C-alpha atoms as a PDB file:
ATOM      1  CA  UNK A   1      49.163  45.713  81.753  1.00  0.00           C
ATOM      2  CA  UNK A   2      47.604  46.975  78.659  1.00  0.00           C
ATOM      3  CA  UNK A   3      45.975  50.440  78.159  1.00  0.00           C
ATOM      4  CA  UNK A   4      43.104  51.516  76.721  1.00  0.00           C
ATOM      5  CA  UNK A   5      44.880  53.005  73.417  1.00  0.00           C
ATOM      6  CA  UNK A   6      47.119  50.045  73.603  1.00  0.00           C
ATOM      7  CA  UNK A   7      44.371  47.590  72.906  1.00  0.00           C
ATOM      8  CA  UNK A   8      43.054  50.340  70.518  1.00  0.00           C
ATOM      9  CA  UNK A   9      46.487  50.165  68.564  1.00  0.00           C
ATOM     10  CA  UNK A  10      46.416  46.317  68.520  1.00  0.00           C
ATOM     11  CA  UNK A  11      43.111  45.775  67.496  1.00  0.00           C
ATOM     12  CA  UNK A  12      44.333  48.209  64.097  1.00  0.00           C
ATOM     13  CA  UNK A  13      41.199  51.086  65.465  1.00  0.00           C
ATOM     14  CA  UNK A  14      43.866  53.760  65.444  1.00  0.00           C
ATOM     15  CA  UNK A  15      47.329  54.123  64.266  1.00  0.00           C
ATOM     16  CA  UNK A  16      50.111  55.140  67.108  1.00  0.00           C
ATOM     17  CA  UNK A  17      51.123  58.267  65.059  1.00  0.00           C
ATOM     18  CA  UNK A  18      47.474  59.441  65.689  1.00  0.00           C
ATOM     19  CA  UNK A  19      48.039  58.484  69.035  1.00  0.00           C
ATOM     20  CA  UNK A  20      51.433  60.449  69.249  1.00  0.00           C
ATOM     21  CA  UNK A  21      52.207  62.426  65.984  1.00  0.00           C
ATOM     22  CA  UNK A  22      55.250  62.416  64.611  1.00  0.00           C
ATOM     23  CA  UNK A  23      57.788  64.732  64.458  1.00  0.00           C
ATOM     24  CA  UNK A  24      61.595  63.582  63.625  1.00  0.00           C
ATOM     25  CA  UNK A  25      64.785  63.665  60.654  1.00  0.00           C
ATOM     26  CA  UNK A  26      65.122  60.671  58.978  1.00  0.00           C
ATOM     27  CA  UNK A  27      67.735  60.611  56.489  1.00  0.00           C
ATOM     28  CA  UNK A  28      67.478  64.328  55.361  1.00  0.00           C
ATOM     29  CA  UNK A  29      63.929  63.930  55.332  1.00  0.00           C
ATOM     30  CA  UNK A  30      61.530  65.427  58.054  1.00  0.00           C
ATOM     31  CA  UNK A  31      58.736  63.544  59.402  1.00  0.00           C
ATOM     32  CA  UNK A  32      55.917  65.985  60.876  1.00  0.00           C
ATOM     33  CA  UNK A  33      52.418  64.519  61.577  1.00  0.00           C
ATOM     34  CA  UNK A  34      51.453  68.050  62.193  1.00  0.00           C
ATOM     35  CA  UNK A  35      51.190  69.059  58.431  1.00  0.00           C
ATOM     36  CA  UNK A  36      47.194  67.113  58.738  1.00  0.00           C
ATOM     37  CA  UNK A  37      48.777  63.818  56.265  1.00  0.00           C
ATOM     38  CA  UNK A  38      51.411  61.240  56.744  1.00  0.00           C
ATOM     39  CA  UNK A  39      52.042  58.412  54.262  1.00  0.00           C
ATOM     40  CA  UNK A  40      51.760  54.770  55.484  1.00  0.00           C
ATOM     41  CA  UNK A  41      52.337  51.275  54.615  1.00  0.00           C
ATOM     42  CA  UNK A  42      50.441  48.416  54.575  1.00  0.00           C
ATOM     43  CA  UNK A  43      51.539  44.967  52.556  1.00  0.00           C
ATOM     44  CA  UNK A  44      52.999  46.603  49.735  1.00  0.00           C
ATOM     45  CA  UNK A  45      51.027  49.450  49.276  1.00  0.00           C
ATOM     46  CA  UNK A  46      51.403  52.956  50.306  1.00  0.00           C
ATOM     47  CA  UNK A  47      48.558  55.192  51.086  1.00  0.00           C
ATOM     48  CA  UNK A  48      48.276  58.850  52.312  1.00  0.00           C
ATOM     49  CA  UNK A  49      46.329  59.302  55.510  1.00  0.00           C
ATOM     50  CA  UNK A  50      44.538  62.437  57.248  1.00  0.00           C
ATOM     51  CA  UNK A  51      45.121  62.690  60.738  1.00  0.00           C
END
């Protein structure tokens, strides 16, 4: 069974980071979605997205 938000994520109507947020350290870099925007990649393009 898939949740309503799971279906929205699979349909690319919502980003999993929008749903769950992110607060993690990877390789000395602090990834923190509470700043209000995150960098995402689609194919070979990077773009900033406001949350």
